[in-house]
Amino acid sequence: MSTDLIQRLEALLSSDKETLMLRYSLAKSYFDGGNFRVARTHLGRAVELDLQYQEAWNWLGKASLELGDPVAARQAWSTGLECAHAKGDAQVYKELEVFLRRIDKVSK
């Protein structure tokens, strides 16, 4: 995890410069560093800022799964799948379908 990058992004967030991309960037930085709980918090806020941002839903599912919460992961990926379908984003749609099939297979 790039501590310097996270510190700079957190400083921006603290100075009331909250944006979707700032939250998403923070989440990815924390996720990459293995801090899935903080990543999930930022991703949760990112999807509040834009309910149609399918990549944030995708990573929210990944963070939830890393935290041992397959129900939340499935819910996030299902919502992301709906967003990808609505936007016509075939690549994200296919990726989320794969994640959902895998989690369903494990859950059975």
N, C-alpha and C. Protein backbone atom coordinates (compact mmCIF):
# COMPACT_ATOMS: atom_id res chain seq x y z
N MET A 1 0.85 -1.17 0.00
CA MET A 1 0.00 0.00 0.00
C MET A 1 0.89 1.23 0.00
N SER A 2 0.60 2.15 -0.84
CA SER A 2 1.36 3.39 -0.89
C SER A 2 0.84 4.33 0.19
N THR A 3 1.56 4.35 1.30
CA THR A 3 1.14 5.18 2.43
C THR A 3 1.10 6.64 2.05
N ASP A 4 2.06 7.07 1.24
CA ASP A 4 2.10 8.47 0.81
C ASP A 4 0.86 8.82 0.00
N LEU A 5 0.48 7.97 -0.93
CA LEU A 5 -0.72 8.22 -1.73
C LEU A 5 -1.96 8.26 -0.85
N ILE A 6 -2.08 7.31 0.04
CA ILE A 6 -3.24 7.28 0.93
C ILE A 6 -3.29 8.53 1.79
N GLN A 7 -2.15 8.96 2.31
CA GLN A 7 -2.13 10.18 3.12
C GLN A 7 -2.59 11.40 2.32
N ARG A 8 -2.13 11.49 1.09
CA ARG A 8 -2.55 12.62 0.24
C ARG A 8 -4.04 12.57 -0.07
N LEU A 9 -4.54 11.37 -0.37
CA LEU A 9 -5.97 11.23 -0.66
C LEU A 9 -6.82 11.51 0.58
N GLU A 10 -6.38 11.01 1.73
CA GLU A 10 -7.10 11.27 2.97
C GLU A 10 -7.10 12.77 3.30
N ALA A 11 -6.00 13.46 3.00
CA ALA A 11 -5.93 14.90 3.23
C ALA A 11 -6.94 15.63 2.35
N LEU A 12 -7.05 15.20 1.10
CA LEU A 12 -8.06 15.79 0.21
C LEU A 12 -9.46 15.57 0.76
N LEU A 13 -9.72 14.37 1.22
CA LEU A 13 -11.03 14.04 1.76
C LEU A 13 -11.32 14.89 3.00
N SER A 14 -10.32 15.09 3.83
CA SER A 14 -10.48 15.89 5.04
C SER A 14 -10.73 17.36 4.74
N SER A 15 -10.33 17.82 3.57
CA SER A 15 -10.51 19.22 3.21
C SER A 15 -11.80 19.44 2.43
N ASP A 16 -12.77 18.57 2.68
CA ASP A 16 -14.10 18.69 2.05
C ASP A 16 -14.06 18.65 0.53
N LYS A 17 -13.20 17.81 -0.02
CA LYS A 17 -13.12 17.66 -1.47
C LYS A 17 -13.62 16.29 -1.90
N GLU A 18 -14.65 15.80 -1.22
CA GLU A 18 -15.16 14.46 -1.51
C GLU A 18 -15.74 14.38 -2.93
N THR A 19 -15.26 13.38 -3.65
CA THR A 19 -15.81 13.07 -4.97
C THR A 19 -15.89 11.55 -5.09
N LEU A 20 -16.61 11.12 -6.06
CA LEU A 20 -16.71 9.68 -6.33
C LEU A 20 -15.33 9.09 -6.60
N MET A 21 -14.56 9.74 -7.44
CA MET A 21 -13.25 9.20 -7.80
C MET A 21 -12.28 9.23 -6.63
N LEU A 22 -12.40 10.20 -5.75
CA LEU A 22 -11.55 10.24 -4.56
C LEU A 22 -11.87 9.04 -3.66
N ARG A 23 -13.15 8.80 -3.43
CA ARG A 23 -13.54 7.65 -2.60
C ARG A 23 -13.10 6.34 -3.25
N TYR A 24 -13.30 6.23 -4.55
CA TYR A 24 -12.92 5.01 -5.27
C TYR A 24 -11.40 4.80 -5.21
N SER A 25 -10.64 5.86 -5.42
CA SER A 25 -9.17 5.77 -5.38
C SER A 25 -8.68 5.37 -3.99
N LEU A 26 -9.28 5.94 -2.97
CA LEU A 26 -8.92 5.55 -1.60
C LEU A 26 -9.24 4.08 -1.37
N ALA A 27 -10.40 3.67 -1.80
CA ALA A 27 -10.81 2.27 -1.61
C ALA A 27 -9.84 1.32 -2.30
N LYS A 28 -9.48 1.61 -3.53
CA LYS A 28 -8.55 0.74 -4.26
C LYS A 28 -7.19 0.72 -3.58
N SER A 29 -6.73 1.85 -3.08
CA SER A 29 -5.44 1.89 -2.40
C SER A 29 -5.47 1.04 -1.13
N TYR A 30 -6.52 1.18 -0.37
CA TYR A 30 -6.64 0.36 0.85
C TYR A 30 -6.80 -1.12 0.50
N PHE A 31 -7.59 -1.42 -0.53
CA PHE A 31 -7.78 -2.81 -0.95
C PHE A 31 -6.44 -3.42 -1.35
N ASP A 32 -5.69 -2.71 -2.17
CA ASP A 32 -4.40 -3.20 -2.64
C ASP A 32 -3.44 -3.46 -1.48
N GLY A 33 -3.62 -2.71 -0.40
CA GLY A 33 -2.79 -2.89 0.79
C GLY A 33 -3.34 -3.92 1.76
N GLY A 34 -4.46 -4.53 1.40
CA GLY A 34 -5.03 -5.57 2.25
C GLY A 34 -5.93 -5.08 3.36
N ASN A 35 -6.23 -3.80 3.39
CA ASN A 35 -7.13 -3.25 4.41
C ASN A 35 -8.55 -3.22 3.83
N PHE A 36 -9.17 -4.40 3.80
CA PHE A 36 -10.45 -4.58 3.13
C PHE A 36 -11.60 -3.88 3.86
N ARG A 37 -11.50 -3.77 5.17
CA ARG A 37 -12.57 -3.12 5.94
C ARG A 37 -12.66 -1.63 5.58
N VAL A 38 -11.52 -0.94 5.56
CA VAL A 38 -11.53 0.48 5.20
C VAL A 38 -11.89 0.63 3.73
N ALA A 39 -11.40 -0.26 2.89
CA ALA A 39 -11.75 -0.21 1.47
C ALA A 39 -13.27 -0.31 1.30
N ARG A 40 -13.88 -1.24 2.03
CA ARG A 40 -15.33 -1.42 1.92
C ARG A 40 -16.08 -0.17 2.37
N THR A 41 -15.58 0.49 3.39
CA THR A 41 -16.21 1.73 3.85
C THR A 41 -16.20 2.79 2.76
N HIS A 42 -15.04 2.97 2.13
CA HIS A 42 -14.95 3.98 1.05
C HIS A 42 -15.78 3.57 -0.16
N LEU A 43 -15.80 2.30 -0.48
CA LEU A 43 -16.62 1.84 -1.61
C LEU A 43 -18.10 2.03 -1.33
N GLY A 44 -18.50 1.79 -0.09
CA GLY A 44 -19.90 2.02 0.29
C GLY A 44 -20.29 3.47 0.07
N ARG A 45 -19.39 4.38 0.42
CA ARG A 45 -19.67 5.80 0.20
C ARG A 45 -19.65 6.13 -1.30
N ALA A 46 -18.76 5.50 -2.03
CA ALA A 46 -18.69 5.74 -3.49
C ALA A 46 -20.01 5.38 -4.16
N VAL A 47 -20.58 4.25 -3.80
CA VAL A 47 -21.85 3.88 -4.45
C VAL A 47 -23.00 4.75 -3.96
N GLU A 48 -22.88 5.32 -2.77
CA GLU A 48 -23.88 6.30 -2.35
C GLU A 48 -23.81 7.55 -3.22
N LEU A 49 -22.60 7.92 -3.61
CA LEU A 49 -22.42 9.11 -4.46
C LEU A 49 -22.90 8.87 -5.88
N ASP A 50 -22.78 7.63 -6.36
CA ASP A 50 -23.25 7.29 -7.72
C ASP A 50 -23.70 5.83 -7.72
N LEU A 51 -24.98 5.64 -7.60
CA LEU A 51 -25.54 4.28 -7.54
C LEU A 51 -25.32 3.49 -8.82
N GLN A 52 -24.94 4.14 -9.90
CA GLN A 52 -24.76 3.47 -11.18
C GLN A 52 -23.29 3.17 -11.50
N TYR A 53 -22.39 3.42 -10.57
CA TYR A 53 -20.97 3.21 -10.84
C TYR A 53 -20.63 1.73 -10.61
N GLN A 54 -20.71 0.96 -11.69
CA GLN A 54 -20.60 -0.50 -11.58
C GLN A 54 -19.24 -0.97 -11.08
N GLU A 55 -18.17 -0.24 -11.36
CA GLU A 55 -16.85 -0.65 -10.87
C GLU A 55 -16.77 -0.57 -9.35
N ALA A 56 -17.42 0.42 -8.77
CA ALA A 56 -17.43 0.50 -7.31
C ALA A 56 -18.22 -0.67 -6.73
N TRP A 57 -19.31 -1.04 -7.37
CA TRP A 57 -20.08 -2.22 -6.92
C TRP A 57 -19.23 -3.48 -7.04
N ASN A 58 -18.49 -3.58 -8.13
CA ASN A 58 -17.61 -4.73 -8.35
C ASN A 58 -16.61 -4.86 -7.19
N TRP A 59 -15.91 -3.78 -6.89
CA TRP A 59 -14.89 -3.82 -5.83
C TRP A 59 -15.51 -3.93 -4.45
N LEU A 60 -16.71 -3.41 -4.28
CA LEU A 60 -17.41 -3.58 -3.01
C LEU A 60 -17.69 -5.06 -2.78
N GLY A 61 -18.05 -5.77 -3.83
CA GLY A 61 -18.25 -7.21 -3.73
C GLY A 61 -16.96 -7.93 -3.38
N LYS A 62 -15.87 -7.54 -4.02
CA LYS A 62 -14.58 -8.16 -3.74
C LYS A 62 -14.14 -7.92 -2.29
N ALA A 63 -14.30 -6.69 -1.82
CA ALA A 63 -13.92 -6.38 -0.45
C ALA A 63 -14.78 -7.15 0.54
N SER A 64 -16.07 -7.24 0.26
CA SER A 64 -16.98 -7.98 1.14
C SER A 64 -16.60 -9.44 1.20
N LEU A 65 -16.25 -10.01 0.06
CA LEU A 65 -15.85 -11.41 0.03
C LEU A 65 -14.55 -11.62 0.83
N GLU A 66 -13.61 -10.71 0.68
CA GLU A 66 -12.36 -10.79 1.43
C GLU A 66 -12.61 -10.72 2.94
N LEU A 67 -13.68 -10.04 3.33
CA LEU A 67 -14.02 -9.91 4.74
C LEU A 67 -14.91 -11.06 5.23
N GLY A 68 -15.11 -12.05 4.35
CA GLY A 68 -15.89 -13.22 4.75
C GLY A 68 -17.39 -12.99 4.75
N ASP A 69 -17.86 -12.07 3.92
CA ASP A 69 -19.29 -11.76 3.85
C ASP A 69 -19.81 -12.03 2.43
N PRO A 70 -20.03 -13.30 2.09
CA PRO A 70 -20.47 -13.63 0.74
C PRO A 70 -21.87 -13.09 0.41
N VAL A 71 -22.71 -12.91 1.41
CA VAL A 71 -24.05 -12.37 1.14
C VAL A 71 -23.94 -10.93 0.65
N ALA A 72 -23.12 -10.13 1.32
CA ALA A 72 -22.92 -8.74 0.89
C ALA A 72 -22.21 -8.69 -0.46
N ALA A 73 -21.27 -9.61 -0.69
CA ALA A 73 -20.58 -9.66 -1.98
C ALA A 73 -21.57 -9.93 -3.10
N ARG A 74 -22.43 -10.90 -2.88
CA ARG A 74 -23.43 -11.25 -3.90
C ARG A 74 -24.36 -10.08 -4.18
N GLN A 75 -24.77 -9.41 -3.12
CA GLN A 75 -25.67 -8.26 -3.28
C GLN A 75 -24.99 -7.15 -4.09
N ALA A 76 -23.73 -6.86 -3.76
CA ALA A 76 -23.00 -5.81 -4.49
C ALA A 76 -22.84 -6.19 -5.95
N TRP A 77 -22.44 -7.44 -6.21
CA TRP A 77 -22.24 -7.86 -7.60
C TRP A 77 -23.56 -7.89 -8.37
N SER A 78 -24.63 -8.25 -7.73
CA SER A 78 -25.94 -8.24 -8.40
C SER A 78 -26.33 -6.83 -8.80
N THR A 79 -26.10 -5.88 -7.90
CA THR A 79 -26.41 -4.49 -8.22
C THR A 79 -25.50 -3.99 -9.34
N GLY A 80 -24.22 -4.33 -9.27
CA GLY A 80 -23.29 -3.95 -10.33
C GLY A 80 -23.68 -4.53 -11.67
N LEU A 81 -24.16 -5.76 -11.65
CA LEU A 81 -24.61 -6.42 -12.87
C LEU A 81 -25.78 -5.66 -13.50
N GLU A 82 -26.71 -5.24 -12.67
CA GLU A 82 -27.85 -4.44 -13.16
C GLU A 82 -27.37 -3.13 -13.77
N CYS A 83 -26.41 -2.49 -13.11
CA CYS A 83 -25.86 -1.23 -13.62
C CYS A 83 -25.16 -1.43 -14.96
N ALA A 84 -24.35 -2.48 -15.03
CA ALA A 84 -23.62 -2.77 -16.27
C ALA A 84 -24.60 -3.06 -17.41
N HIS A 85 -25.65 -3.79 -17.09
CA HIS A 85 -26.67 -4.08 -18.11
C HIS A 85 -27.33 -2.79 -18.59
N ALA A 86 -27.69 -1.93 -17.65
CA ALA A 86 -28.36 -0.68 -18.00
C ALA A 86 -27.47 0.22 -18.85
N LYS A 87 -26.15 0.18 -18.60
CA LYS A 87 -25.21 1.01 -19.35
C LYS A 87 -24.73 0.34 -20.62
N GLY A 88 -25.04 -0.94 -20.78
CA GLY A 88 -24.58 -1.67 -21.96
C GLY A 88 -23.10 -2.01 -21.91
N ASP A 89 -22.55 -2.12 -20.71
CA ASP A 89 -21.13 -2.43 -20.54
C ASP A 89 -20.96 -3.95 -20.48
N ALA A 90 -20.75 -4.55 -21.65
CA ALA A 90 -20.71 -6.01 -21.76
C ALA A 90 -19.54 -6.63 -21.00
N GLN A 91 -18.40 -5.96 -20.97
CA GLN A 91 -17.22 -6.52 -20.30
C GLN A 91 -17.46 -6.64 -18.79
N VAL A 92 -17.91 -5.58 -18.17
CA VAL A 92 -18.18 -5.62 -16.72
C VAL A 92 -19.31 -6.60 -16.43
N TYR A 93 -20.31 -6.61 -17.30
CA TYR A 93 -21.44 -7.54 -17.13
C TYR A 93 -20.94 -8.99 -17.09
N LYS A 94 -20.09 -9.35 -18.04
CA LYS A 94 -19.55 -10.72 -18.10
C LYS A 94 -18.71 -11.04 -16.86
N GLU A 95 -17.90 -10.09 -16.45
CA GLU A 95 -17.05 -10.29 -15.28
C GLU A 95 -17.91 -10.53 -14.03
N LEU A 96 -18.93 -9.73 -13.85
CA LEU A 96 -19.78 -9.88 -12.67
C LEU A 96 -20.61 -11.16 -12.74
N GLU A 97 -20.99 -11.56 -13.92
CA GLU A 97 -21.68 -12.85 -14.06
C GLU A 97 -20.80 -14.00 -13.57
N VAL A 98 -19.52 -13.94 -13.92
CA VAL A 98 -18.58 -14.98 -13.49
C VAL A 98 -18.47 -14.99 -11.96
N PHE A 99 -18.32 -13.81 -11.36
CA PHE A 99 -18.23 -13.74 -9.90
C PHE A 99 -19.49 -14.31 -9.24
N LEU A 100 -20.64 -13.97 -9.79
CA LEU A 100 -21.89 -14.45 -9.21
C LEU A 100 -22.02 -15.97 -9.35
N ARG A 101 -21.62 -16.51 -10.49
CA ARG A 101 -21.67 -17.97 -10.67
C ARG A 101 -20.74 -18.67 -9.67
N ARG A 102 -19.57 -18.11 -9.48
CA ARG A 102 -18.60 -18.70 -8.55
C ARG A 102 -19.12 -18.66 -7.12
N ILE A 103 -19.69 -17.54 -6.73
CA ILE A 103 -20.17 -17.45 -5.35
C ILE A 103 -21.39 -18.33 -5.14
N ASP A 104 -22.22 -18.47 -6.17
CA ASP A 104 -23.37 -19.36 -6.06
C ASP A 104 -22.93 -20.80 -5.96
N LYS A 105 -21.87 -21.16 -6.69
CA LYS A 105 -21.36 -22.53 -6.66
C LYS A 105 -20.82 -22.88 -5.28
N VAL A 106 -20.11 -21.93 -4.67
CA VAL A 106 -19.54 -22.14 -3.34
C VAL A 106 -20.64 -22.19 -2.28
N SER A 107 -21.69 -21.41 -2.47
CA SER A 107 -22.77 -21.32 -1.48
C SER A 107 -23.66 -22.55 -1.45
N LYS A 108 -23.60 -23.36 -2.49
CA LYS A 108 -24.50 -24.54 -2.56
C LYS A 108 -23.98 -25.69 -1.78
